[in-house]
Amino acid sequence: MRKRLIWISVSGGVFITLLALALRALGIYRPVPYLTYPGSYLMQAGVDRILGYVPWGLGDNLISELLVFFALNVAGYAFVIFLLLRIFYPDRSIDLPPITGKR
């Protein structure tokens, strides 16, 4: 059940991020405020700082910046979707682990 929820969360994160990028490319900024200039600038500034620590200059090109930006958006959305799915679809399997760790 948990693997399925993780896959649903990640695919939902990819879908939402791609939808937001498509809406922004079409000039629709209202539903995607994190992709407008201030949100994009703040996140990109944080990503630039992190990419500065990548060895051998791998973080100094546009492709790696865009990939990390995309991955962070997907991870953020996937985390939120996973938490919501865990709340509304809890794991109700019969084989629950013991609370104390002893069998």
PDB file of N, CA and C in Angstrom:
ATOM      1  N   MET A   1       0.819  -1.195   0.000  1.00  0.00           N
ATOM      2  CA  MET A   1       0.000   0.000   0.000  1.00  0.00           C
ATOM      3  C   MET A   1       0.863   1.260   0.000  1.00  0.00           C
ATOM      4  N   ARG A   2       1.933   1.238   0.797  1.00  0.00           N
ATOM      5  CA  ARG A   2       2.777   2.428   0.908  1.00  0.00           C
ATOM      6  C   ARG A   2       3.498   2.739  -0.403  1.00  0.00           C
ATOM      7  N   LYS A   3       3.977   1.696  -1.095  1.00  0.00           N
ATOM      8  CA  LYS A   3       4.643   1.924  -2.390  1.00  0.00           C
ATOM      9  C   LYS A   3       3.677   2.539  -3.384  1.00  0.00           C
ATOM     10  N   ARG A   4       2.441   2.060  -3.359  1.00  0.00           N
ATOM     11  CA  ARG A   4       1.438   2.615  -4.268  1.00  0.00           C
ATOM     12  C   ARG A   4       1.168   4.081  -3.960  1.00  0.00           C
ATOM     13  N   LEU A   5       1.081   4.420  -2.687  1.00  0.00           N
ATOM     14  CA  LEU A   5       0.870   5.815  -2.307  1.00  0.00           C
ATOM     15  C   LEU A   5       2.048   6.688  -2.719  1.00  0.00           C
ATOM     16  N   ILE A   6       3.258   6.156  -2.594  1.00  0.00           N
ATOM     17  CA  ILE A   6       4.440   6.921  -2.998  1.00  0.00           C
ATOM     18  C   ILE A   6       4.412   7.172  -4.504  1.00  0.00           C
ATOM     19  N   TRP A   7       4.080   6.151  -5.292  1.00  0.00           N
ATOM     20  CA  TRP A   7       4.017   6.335  -6.745  1.00  0.00           C
ATOM     21  C   TRP A   7       2.923   7.316  -7.141  1.00  0.00           C
ATOM     22  N   ILE A   8       1.787   7.227  -6.478  1.00  0.00           N
ATOM     23  CA  ILE A   8       0.708   8.176  -6.763  1.00  0.00           C
ATOM     24  C   ILE A   8       1.148   9.588  -6.402  1.00  0.00           C
ATOM     25  N   SER A   9       1.837   9.738  -5.285  1.00  0.00           N
ATOM     26  CA  SER A   9       2.299  11.055  -4.846  1.00  0.00           C
ATOM     27  C   SER A   9       3.303  11.650  -5.820  1.00  0.00           C
ATOM     28  N   VAL A  10       4.267  10.859  -6.240  1.00  0.00           N
ATOM     29  CA  VAL A  10       5.290  11.359  -7.159  1.00  0.00           C
ATOM     30  C   VAL A  10       4.678  11.699  -8.511  1.00  0.00           C
ATOM     31  N   SER A  11       3.802  10.824  -9.016  1.00  0.00           N
ATOM     32  CA  SER A  11       3.182  11.126 -10.312  1.00  0.00           C
ATOM     33  C   SER A  11       2.271  12.347 -10.201  1.00  0.00           C
ATOM     34  N   GLY A  12       1.601  12.520  -9.063  1.00  0.00           N
ATOM     35  CA  GLY A  12       0.803  13.729  -8.850  1.00  0.00           C
ATOM     36  C   GLY A  12       1.670  14.976  -8.789  1.00  0.00           C
ATOM     37  N   GLY A  13       2.833  14.869  -8.140  1.00  0.00           N
ATOM     38  CA  GLY A  13       3.757  15.997  -8.096  1.00  0.00           C
ATOM     39  C   GLY A  13       4.276  16.375  -9.465  1.00  0.00           C
ATOM     40  N   VAL A  14       4.598  15.370 -10.275  1.00  0.00           N
ATOM     41  CA  VAL A  14       5.048  15.640 -11.647  1.00  0.00           C
ATOM     42  C   VAL A  14       3.933  16.297 -12.441  1.00  0.00           C
ATOM     43  N   PHE A  15       2.712  15.773 -12.311  1.00  0.00           N
ATOM     44  CA  PHE A  15       1.587  16.329 -13.056  1.00  0.00           C
ATOM     45  C   PHE A  15       1.324  17.781 -12.667  1.00  0.00           C
ATOM     46  N   ILE A  16       1.305  18.069 -11.376  1.00  0.00           N
ATOM     47  CA  ILE A  16       1.029  19.442 -10.932  1.00  0.00           C
ATOM     48  C   ILE A  16       2.129  20.389 -11.389  1.00  0.00           C
ATOM     49  N   THR A  17       3.389  19.957 -11.303  1.00  0.00           N
ATOM     50  CA  THR A  17       4.493  20.812 -11.728  1.00  0.00           C
ATOM     51  C   THR A  17       4.441  21.071 -13.233  1.00  0.00           C
ATOM     52  N   LEU A  18       4.186  20.032 -14.013  1.00  0.00           N
ATOM     53  CA  LEU A  18       4.090  20.223 -15.463  1.00  0.00           C
ATOM     54  C   LEU A  18       2.888  21.094 -15.827  1.00  0.00           C
ATOM     55  N   LEU A  19       1.780  20.917 -15.113  1.00  0.00           N
ATOM     56  CA  LEU A  19       0.611  21.753 -15.356  1.00  0.00           C
ATOM     57  C   LEU A  19       0.914  23.215 -15.041  1.00  0.00           C
ATOM     58  N   ALA A  20       1.609  23.449 -13.933  1.00  0.00           N
ATOM     59  CA  ALA A  20       1.963  24.819 -13.569  1.00  0.00           C
ATOM     60  C   ALA A  20       2.905  25.442 -14.595  1.00  0.00           C
ATOM     61  N   LEU A  21       3.870  24.666 -15.074  1.00  0.00           N
ATOM     62  CA  LEU A  21       4.779  25.187 -16.097  1.00  0.00           C
ATOM     63  C   LEU A  21       4.036  25.486 -17.392  1.00  0.00           C
ATOM     64  N   ALA A  22       3.094  24.618 -17.761  1.00  0.00           N
ATOM     65  CA  ALA A  22       2.314  24.860 -18.977  1.00  0.00           C
ATOM     66  C   ALA A  22       1.440  26.100 -18.831  1.00  0.00           C
ATOM     67  N   LEU A  23       0.813  26.263 -17.662  1.00  0.00           N
ATOM     68  CA  LEU A  23      -0.015  27.452 -17.441  1.00  0.00           C
ATOM     69  C   LEU A  23       0.831  28.718 -17.479  1.00  0.00           C
ATOM     70  N   ARG A  24       2.018  28.637 -16.910  1.00  0.00           N
ATOM     71  CA  ARG A  24       2.891  29.816 -16.919  1.00  0.00           C
ATOM     72  C   ARG A  24       3.346  30.135 -18.340  1.00  0.00           C
ATOM     73  N   ALA A  25       3.619  29.097 -19.127  1.00  0.00           N
ATOM     74  CA  ALA A  25       4.031  29.325 -20.509  1.00  0.00           C
ATOM     75  C   ALA A  25       2.909  29.952 -21.330  1.00  0.00           C
ATOM     76  N   LEU A  26       1.671  29.653 -20.964  1.00  0.00           N
ATOM     77  CA  LEU A  26       0.527  30.238 -21.657  1.00  0.00           C
ATOM     78  C   LEU A  26       0.194  31.641 -21.155  1.00  0.00           C
ATOM     79  N   GLY A  27       0.854  32.073 -20.098  1.00  0.00           N
ATOM     80  CA  GLY A  27       0.629  33.415 -19.569  1.00  0.00           C
ATOM     81  C   GLY A  27      -0.417  33.471 -18.472  1.00  0.00           C
ATOM     82  N   ILE A  28      -0.795  32.323 -17.927  1.00  0.00           N
ATOM     83  CA  ILE A  28      -1.778  32.280 -16.844  1.00  0.00           C
ATOM     84  C   ILE A  28      -1.004  32.175 -15.530  1.00  0.00           C
ATOM     85  N   TYR A  29      -0.932  33.276 -14.802  1.00  0.00           N
ATOM     86  CA  TYR A  29      -0.118  33.305 -13.581  1.00  0.00           C
ATOM     87  C   TYR A  29      -0.940  33.150 -12.305  1.00  0.00           C
ATOM     88  N   ARG A  30      -2.229  33.360 -12.355  1.00  0.00           N
ATOM     89  CA  ARG A  30      -3.034  33.390 -11.136  1.00  0.00           C
ATOM     90  C   ARG A  30      -3.032  32.083 -10.341  1.00  0.00           C
ATOM     91  N   PRO A  31      -3.250  30.911 -10.958  1.00  0.00           N
ATOM     92  CA  PRO A  31      -3.294  29.691 -10.157  1.00  0.00           C
ATOM     93  C   PRO A  31      -1.931  29.173  -9.706  1.00  0.00           C
ATOM     94  N   VAL A  32      -0.865  29.734 -10.210  1.00  0.00           N
ATOM     95  CA  VAL A  32       0.466  29.224  -9.872  1.00  0.00           C
ATOM     96  C   VAL A  32       1.352  30.344  -9.330  1.00  0.00           C
ATOM     97  N   PRO A  33       1.044  30.859  -8.148  1.00  0.00           N
ATOM     98  CA  PRO A  33       1.832  31.994  -7.648  1.00  0.00           C
ATOM     99  C   PRO A  33       3.286  31.655  -7.328  1.00  0.00           C
ATOM    100  N   TYR A  34       3.594  30.393  -7.032  1.00  0.00           N
ATOM    101  CA  TYR A  34       4.982  30.067  -6.723  1.00  0.00           C
ATOM    102  C   TYR A  34       5.856  30.129  -7.965  1.00  0.00           C
ATOM    103  N   LEU A  35       5.252  30.070  -9.146  1.00  0.00           N
ATOM    104  CA  LEU A  35       6.034  30.144 -10.370  1.00  0.00           C
ATOM    105  C   LEU A  35       6.109  31.552 -10.940  1.00  0.00           C
ATOM    106  N   THR A  36       5.451  32.504 -10.303  1.00  0.00           N
ATOM    107  CA  THR A  36       5.581  33.877 -10.761  1.00  0.00           C
ATOM    108  C   THR A  36       6.954  34.395 -10.357  1.00  0.00           C
ATOM    109  N   TYR A  37       7.275  35.587 -10.731  1.00  0.00           N
ATOM    110  CA  TYR A  37       8.640  36.075 -10.567  1.00  0.00           C
ATOM    111  C   TYR A  37       9.164  36.024  -9.125  1.00  0.00           C
ATOM    112  N   PRO A  38       8.451  36.550  -8.100  1.00  0.00           N
ATOM    113  CA  PRO A  38       9.038  36.528  -6.756  1.00  0.00           C
ATOM    114  C   PRO A  38       9.278  35.123  -6.225  1.00  0.00           C
ATOM    115  N   GLY A  39       8.294  34.228  -6.389  1.00  0.00           N
ATOM    116  CA  GLY A  39       8.470  32.871  -5.893  1.00  0.00           C
ATOM    117  C   GLY A  39       9.564  32.133  -6.626  1.00  0.00           C
ATOM    118  N   SER A  40       9.602  32.312  -7.928  1.00  0.00           N
ATOM    119  CA  SER A  40      10.623  31.663  -8.736  1.00  0.00           C
ATOM    120  C   SER A  40      12.005  32.201  -8.383  1.00  0.00           C
ATOM    121  N   TYR A  41      12.100  33.500  -8.169  1.00  0.00           N
ATOM    122  CA  TYR A  41      13.389  34.094  -7.820  1.00  0.00           C
ATOM    123  C   TYR A  41      13.893  33.576  -6.480  1.00  0.00           C
ATOM    124  N   LEU A  42      13.001  33.527  -5.478  1.00  0.00           N
ATOM    125  CA  LEU A  42      13.438  33.072  -4.158  1.00  0.00           C
ATOM    126  C   LEU A  42      13.866  31.612  -4.177  1.00  0.00           C
ATOM    127  N   MET A  43      13.101  30.781  -4.866  1.00  0.00           N
ATOM    128  CA  MET A  43      13.471  29.374  -4.916  1.00  0.00           C
ATOM    129  C   MET A  43      14.748  29.186  -5.731  1.00  0.00           C
ATOM    130  N   GLN A  44      14.861  29.896  -6.831  1.00  0.00           N
ATOM    131  CA  GLN A  44      16.057  29.773  -7.661  1.00  0.00           C
ATOM    132  C   GLN A  44      17.288  30.281  -6.916  1.00  0.00           C
ATOM    133  N   ALA A  45      17.130  31.310  -6.090  1.00  0.00           N
ATOM    134  CA  ALA A  45      18.262  31.803  -5.307  1.00  0.00           C
ATOM    135  C   ALA A  45      18.733  30.740  -4.319  1.00  0.00           C
ATOM    136  N   GLY A  46      17.781  30.037  -3.691  1.00  0.00           N
ATOM    137  CA  GLY A  46      18.155  28.949  -2.786  1.00  0.00           C
ATOM    138  C   GLY A  46      18.817  27.804  -3.526  1.00  0.00           C
ATOM    139  N   VAL A  47      18.287  27.476  -4.694  1.00  0.00           N
ATOM    140  CA  VAL A  47      18.872  26.403  -5.504  1.00  0.00           C
ATOM    141  C   VAL A  47      20.275  26.792  -5.950  1.00  0.00           C
ATOM    142  N   ASP A  48      20.470  28.038  -6.348  1.00  0.00           N
ATOM    143  CA  ASP A  48      21.806  28.491  -6.762  1.00  0.00           C
ATOM    144  C   ASP A  48      22.812  28.352  -5.632  1.00  0.00           C
ATOM    145  N   ARG A  49      22.377  28.644  -4.440  1.00  0.00           N
ATOM    146  CA  ARG A  49      23.289  28.514  -3.295  1.00  0.00           C
ATOM    147  C   ARG A  49      23.679  27.062  -3.059  1.00  0.00           C
ATOM    148  N   ILE A  50      22.698  26.174  -3.157  1.00  0.00           N
ATOM    149  CA  ILE A  50      22.976  24.754  -2.956  1.00  0.00           C
ATOM    150  C   ILE A  50      23.856  24.224  -4.083  1.00  0.00           C
ATOM    151  N   LEU A  51      23.588  24.636  -5.312  1.00  0.00           N
ATOM    152  CA  LEU A  51      24.364  24.143  -6.453  1.00  0.00           C
ATOM    153  C   LEU A  51      25.809  24.630  -6.424  1.00  0.00           C
ATOM    154  N   GLY A  52      26.071  25.683  -5.679  1.00  0.00           N
ATOM    155  CA  GLY A  52      27.445  26.157  -5.551  1.00  0.00           C
ATOM    156  C   GLY A  52      28.342  25.173  -4.826  1.00  0.00           C
ATOM    157  N   TYR A  53      27.752  24.270  -4.044  1.00  0.00           N
ATOM    158  CA  TYR A  53      28.537  23.289  -3.295  1.00  0.00           C
ATOM    159  C   TYR A  53      28.751  21.986  -4.051  1.00  0.00           C
ATOM    160  N   VAL A  54      28.169  21.850  -5.235  1.00  0.00           N
ATOM    161  CA  VAL A  54      28.349  20.637  -6.022  1.00  0.00           C
ATOM    162  C   VAL A  54      29.760  20.641  -6.596  1.00  0.00           C
ATOM    163  N   PRO A  55      30.502  19.538  -6.411  1.00  0.00           N
ATOM    164  CA  PRO A  55      31.894  19.522  -6.879  1.00  0.00           C
ATOM    165  C   PRO A  55      32.004  19.459  -8.400  1.00  0.00           C
ATOM    166  N   TRP A  56      33.174  19.794  -8.901  1.00  0.00           N
ATOM    167  CA  TRP A  56      33.580  19.729 -10.308  1.00  0.00           C
ATOM    168  C   TRP A  56      32.751  20.635 -11.208  1.00  0.00           C
ATOM    169  N   GLY A  57      32.099  21.625 -10.655  1.00  0.00           N
ATOM    170  CA  GLY A  57      31.355  22.579 -11.460  1.00  0.00           C
ATOM    171  C   GLY A  57      30.111  22.023 -12.127  1.00  0.00           C
ATOM    172  N   LEU A  58      29.596  20.905 -11.630  1.00  0.00           N
ATOM    173  CA  LEU A  58      28.410  20.298 -12.236  1.00  0.00           C
ATOM    174  C   LEU A  58      27.148  21.116 -11.989  1.00  0.00           C
ATOM    175  N   GLY A  59      27.173  21.953 -10.967  1.00  0.00           N
ATOM    176  CA  GLY A  59      25.995  22.747 -10.665  1.00  0.00           C
ATOM    177  C   GLY A  59      26.000  24.119 -11.303  1.00  0.00           C
ATOM    178  N   ASP A  60      26.939  24.361 -12.199  1.00  0.00           N
ATOM    179  CA  ASP A  60      27.073  25.701 -12.780  1.00  0.00           C
ATOM    180  C   ASP A  60      26.418  25.856 -14.142  1.00  0.00           C
ATOM    181  N   ASN A  61      25.633  24.896 -14.574  1.00  0.00           N
ATOM    182  CA  ASN A  61      25.009  25.046 -15.885  1.00  0.00           C
ATOM    183  C   ASN A  61      23.494  25.127 -15.760  1.00  0.00           C
ATOM    184  N   LEU A  62      22.858  25.593 -16.777  1.00  0.00           N
ATOM    185  CA  LEU A  62      21.416  25.837 -16.757  1.00  0.00           C
ATOM    186  C   LEU A  62      20.618  24.549 -16.652  1.00  0.00           C
ATOM    187  N   ILE A  63      21.082  23.487 -17.275  1.00  0.00           N
ATOM    188  CA  ILE A  63      20.342  22.232 -17.263  1.00  0.00           C
ATOM    189  C   ILE A  63      20.254  21.673 -15.849  1.00  0.00           C
ATOM    190  N   SER A  64      21.359  21.680 -15.110  1.00  0.00           N
ATOM    191  CA  SER A  64      21.310  21.156 -13.747  1.00  0.00           C
ATOM    192  C   SER A  64      20.450  22.048 -12.857  1.00  0.00           C
ATOM    193  N   GLU A  65      20.476  23.350 -13.068  1.00  0.00           N
ATOM    194  CA  GLU A  65      19.609  24.239 -12.294  1.00  0.00           C
ATOM    195  C   GLU A  65      18.140  23.929 -12.550  1.00  0.00           C
ATOM    196  N   LEU A  66      17.783  23.757 -13.811  1.00  0.00           N
ATOM    197  CA  LEU A  66      16.387  23.464 -14.142  1.00  0.00           C
ATOM    198  C   LEU A  66      15.955  22.093 -13.619  1.00  0.00           C
ATOM    199  N   LEU A  67      16.840  21.111 -13.709  1.00  0.00           N
ATOM    200  CA  LEU A  67      16.505  19.790 -13.200  1.00  0.00           C
ATOM    201  C   LEU A  67      16.305  19.804 -11.684  1.00  0.00           C
ATOM    202  N   VAL A  68      17.167  20.506 -10.969  1.00  0.00           N
ATOM    203  CA  VAL A  68      17.028  20.593  -9.516  1.00  0.00           C
ATOM    204  C   VAL A  68      15.772  21.375  -9.155  1.00  0.00           C
ATOM    205  N   PHE A  69      15.487  22.446  -9.865  1.00  0.00           N
ATOM    206  CA  PHE A  69      14.276  23.234  -9.633  1.00  0.00           C
ATOM    207  C   PHE A  69      13.039  22.366  -9.845  1.00  0.00           C
ATOM    208  N   PHE A  70      13.009  21.600 -10.928  1.00  0.00           N
ATOM    209  CA  PHE A  70      11.896  20.702 -11.217  1.00  0.00           C
ATOM    210  C   PHE A  70      11.777  19.625 -10.146  1.00  0.00           C
ATOM    211  N   ALA A  71      12.909  19.038  -9.757  1.00  0.00           N
ATOM    212  CA  ALA A  71      12.897  17.968  -8.747  1.00  0.00           C
ATOM    213  C   ALA A  71      12.413  18.485  -7.394  1.00  0.00           C
ATOM    214  N   LEU A  72      12.815  19.696  -7.017  1.00  0.00           N
ATOM    215  CA  LEU A  72      12.357  20.250  -5.739  1.00  0.00           C
ATOM    216  C   LEU A  72      10.863  20.528  -5.758  1.00  0.00           C
ATOM    217  N   ASN A  73      10.336  21.018  -6.869  1.00  0.00           N
ATOM    218  CA  ASN A  73       8.897  21.236  -6.973  1.00  0.00           C
ATOM    219  C   ASN A  73       8.145  19.916  -6.884  1.00  0.00           C
ATOM    220  N   VAL A  74       8.613  18.919  -7.614  1.00  0.00           N
ATOM    221  CA  VAL A  74       7.953  17.610  -7.593  1.00  0.00           C
ATOM    222  C   VAL A  74       8.023  17.007  -6.197  1.00  0.00           C
ATOM    223  N   ALA A  75       9.182  17.100  -5.555  1.00  0.00           N
ATOM    224  CA  ALA A  75       9.321  16.537  -4.211  1.00  0.00           C
ATOM    225  C   ALA A  75       8.408  17.239  -3.211  1.00  0.00           C
ATOM    226  N   GLY A  76       8.300  18.545  -3.315  1.00  0.00           N
ATOM    227  CA  GLY A  76       7.419  19.275  -2.408  1.00  0.00           C
ATOM    228  C   GLY A  76       5.970  18.887  -2.578  1.00  0.00           C
ATOM    229  N   TYR A  77       5.508  18.840  -3.817  1.00  0.00           N
ATOM    230  CA  TYR A  77       4.127  18.437  -4.065  1.00  0.00           C
ATOM    231  C   TYR A  77       3.900  16.979  -3.685  1.00  0.00           C
ATOM    232  N   ALA A  78       4.857  16.103  -3.990  1.00  0.00           N
ATOM    233  CA  ALA A  78       4.707  14.689  -3.656  1.00  0.00           C
ATOM    234  C   ALA A  78       4.618  14.491  -2.148  1.00  0.00           C
ATOM    235  N   PHE A  79       5.381  15.258  -1.391  1.00  0.00           N
ATOM    236  CA  PHE A  79       5.337  15.152   0.069  1.00  0.00           C
ATOM    237  C   PHE A  79       3.955  15.534   0.597  1.00  0.00           C
ATOM    238  N   VAL A  80       3.421  16.622   0.111  1.00  0.00           N
ATOM    239  CA  VAL A  80       2.094  17.070   0.559  1.00  0.00           C
ATOM    240  C   VAL A  80       1.017  16.075   0.138  1.00  0.00           C
ATOM    241  N   ILE A  81       1.093  15.591  -1.094  1.00  0.00           N
ATOM    242  CA  ILE A  81       0.108  14.616  -1.566  1.00  0.00           C
ATOM    243  C   ILE A  81       0.202  13.327  -0.757  1.00  0.00           C
ATOM    244  N   PHE A  82       1.427  12.885  -0.450  1.00  0.00           N
ATOM    245  CA  PHE A  82       1.597  11.670   0.337  1.00  0.00           C
ATOM    246  C   PHE A  82       0.984  11.826   1.726  1.00  0.00           C
ATOM    247  N   LEU A  83       1.218  12.977   2.360  1.00  0.00           N
ATOM    248  CA  LEU A  83       0.633  13.180   3.689  1.00  0.00           C
ATOM    249  C   LEU A  83      -0.886  13.185   3.630  1.00  0.00           C
ATOM    250  N   LEU A  84      -1.449  13.823   2.621  1.00  0.00           N
ATOM    251  CA  LEU A  84      -2.904  13.833   2.488  1.00  0.00           C
ATOM    252  C   LEU A  84      -3.450  12.430   2.221  1.00  0.00           C
ATOM    253  N   LEU A  85      -2.766  11.662   1.393  1.00  0.00           N
ATOM    254  CA  LEU A  85      -3.217  10.298   1.132  1.00  0.00           C
ATOM    255  C   LEU A  85      -3.114   9.422   2.374  1.00  0.00           C
ATOM    256  N   ARG A  86      -2.073   9.624   3.178  1.00  0.00           N
ATOM    257  CA  ARG A  86      -1.929   8.838   4.414  1.00  0.00           C
ATOM    258  C   ARG A  86      -3.033   9.179   5.412  1.00  0.00           C
ATOM    259  N   ILE A  87      -3.510  10.409   5.379  1.00  0.00           N
ATOM    260  CA  ILE A  87      -4.601  10.785   6.276  1.00  0.00           C
ATOM    261  C   ILE A  87      -5.912  10.147   5.818  1.00  0.00           C
ATOM    262  N   PHE A  88      -6.215  10.243   4.522  1.00  0.00           N
ATOM    263  CA  PHE A  88      -7.507   9.792   4.030  1.00  0.00           C
ATOM    264  C   PHE A  88      -7.536   8.322   3.635  1.00  0.00           C
ATOM    265  N   TYR A  89      -6.369   7.728   3.367  1.00  0.00           N
ATOM    266  CA  TYR A  89      -6.287   6.297   3.063  1.00  0.00           C
ATOM    267  C   TYR A  89      -5.238   5.657   3.970  1.00  0.00           C
ATOM    268  N   PRO A  90      -5.545   5.486   5.250  1.00  0.00           N
ATOM    269  CA  PRO A  90      -4.544   4.910   6.155  1.00  0.00           C
ATOM    270  C   PRO A  90      -4.305   3.430   5.840  1.00  0.00           C
ATOM    271  N   ASP A  91      -3.168   2.946   6.269  1.00  0.00           N
ATOM    272  CA  ASP A  91      -2.793   1.552   6.045  1.00  0.00           C
ATOM    273  C   ASP A  91      -3.573   0.681   7.019  1.00  0.00           C
ATOM    274  N   ARG A  92      -4.489  -0.095   6.509  1.00  0.00           N
ATOM    275  CA  ARG A  92      -5.337  -0.928   7.359  1.00  0.00           C
ATOM    276  C   ARG A  92      -5.028  -2.410   7.161  1.00  0.00           C
ATOM    277  N   SER A  93      -3.768  -2.718   6.982  1.00  0.00           N
ATOM    278  CA  SER A  93      -3.394  -4.117   6.781  1.00  0.00           C
ATOM    279  C   SER A  93      -3.523  -4.886   8.084  1.00  0.00           C
ATOM    280  N   ILE A  94      -3.696  -6.185   7.963  1.00  0.00           N
ATOM    281  CA  ILE A  94      -3.862  -7.046   9.135  1.00  0.00           C
ATOM    282  C   ILE A  94      -2.528  -7.253   9.829  1.00  0.00           C
ATOM    283  N   ASP A  95      -1.443  -7.264   9.098  1.00  0.00           N
ATOM    284  CA  ASP A  95      -0.115  -7.534   9.651  1.00  0.00           C
ATOM    285  C   ASP A  95       0.541  -6.254  10.152  1.00  0.00           C
ATOM    286  N   LEU A  96       0.000  -5.686  11.199  1.00  0.00           N
ATOM    287  CA  LEU A  96       0.598  -4.483  11.768  1.00  0.00           C
ATOM    288  C   LEU A  96       1.792  -4.867  12.631  1.00  0.00           C
ATOM    289  N   PRO A  97       2.868  -4.088  12.595  1.00  0.00           N
ATOM    290  CA  PRO A  97       4.037  -4.397  13.431  1.00  0.00           C
ATOM    291  C   PRO A  97       3.712  -4.135  14.900  1.00  0.00           C
ATOM    292  N   PRO A  98       4.363  -4.878  15.798  1.00  0.00           N
ATOM    293  CA  PRO A  98       4.113  -4.638  17.220  1.00  0.00           C
ATOM    294  C   PRO A  98       4.627  -3.265  17.651  1.00  0.00           C
ATOM    295  N   ILE A  99       3.991  -2.702  18.643  1.00  0.00           N
ATOM    296  CA  ILE A  99       4.351  -1.363  19.120  1.00  0.00           C
ATOM    297  C   ILE A  99       5.709  -1.375  19.818  1.00  0.00           C
ATOM    298  N   THR A 100       6.005  -2.412  20.568  1.00  0.00           N
ATOM    299  CA  THR A 100       7.240  -2.438  21.366  1.00  0.00           C
ATOM    300  C   THR A 100       8.448  -2.925  20.587  1.00  0.00           C
ATOM    301  N   GLY A 101       8.253  -3.468  19.407  1.00  0.00           N
ATOM    302  CA  GLY A 101       9.377  -3.965  18.627  1.00  0.00           C
ATOM    303  C   GLY A 101       9.676  -5.430  18.898  1.00  0.00           C
ATOM    304  N   LYS A 102       8.970  -6.053  19.844  1.00  0.00           N
ATOM    305  CA  LYS A 102       9.147  -7.484  20.159  1.00  0.00           C
ATOM    306  C   LYS A 102       8.054  -8.273  19.469  1.00  0.00           C
ATOM    307  N   ARG A 103       8.372  -9.484  19.127  1.00  0.00           N
ATOM    308  CA  ARG A 103       7.379 -10.346  18.462  1.00  0.00           C
ATOM    309  C   ARG A 103       6.725 -11.282  19.439  1.00  0.00           C
TER     310      ARG A 103
END
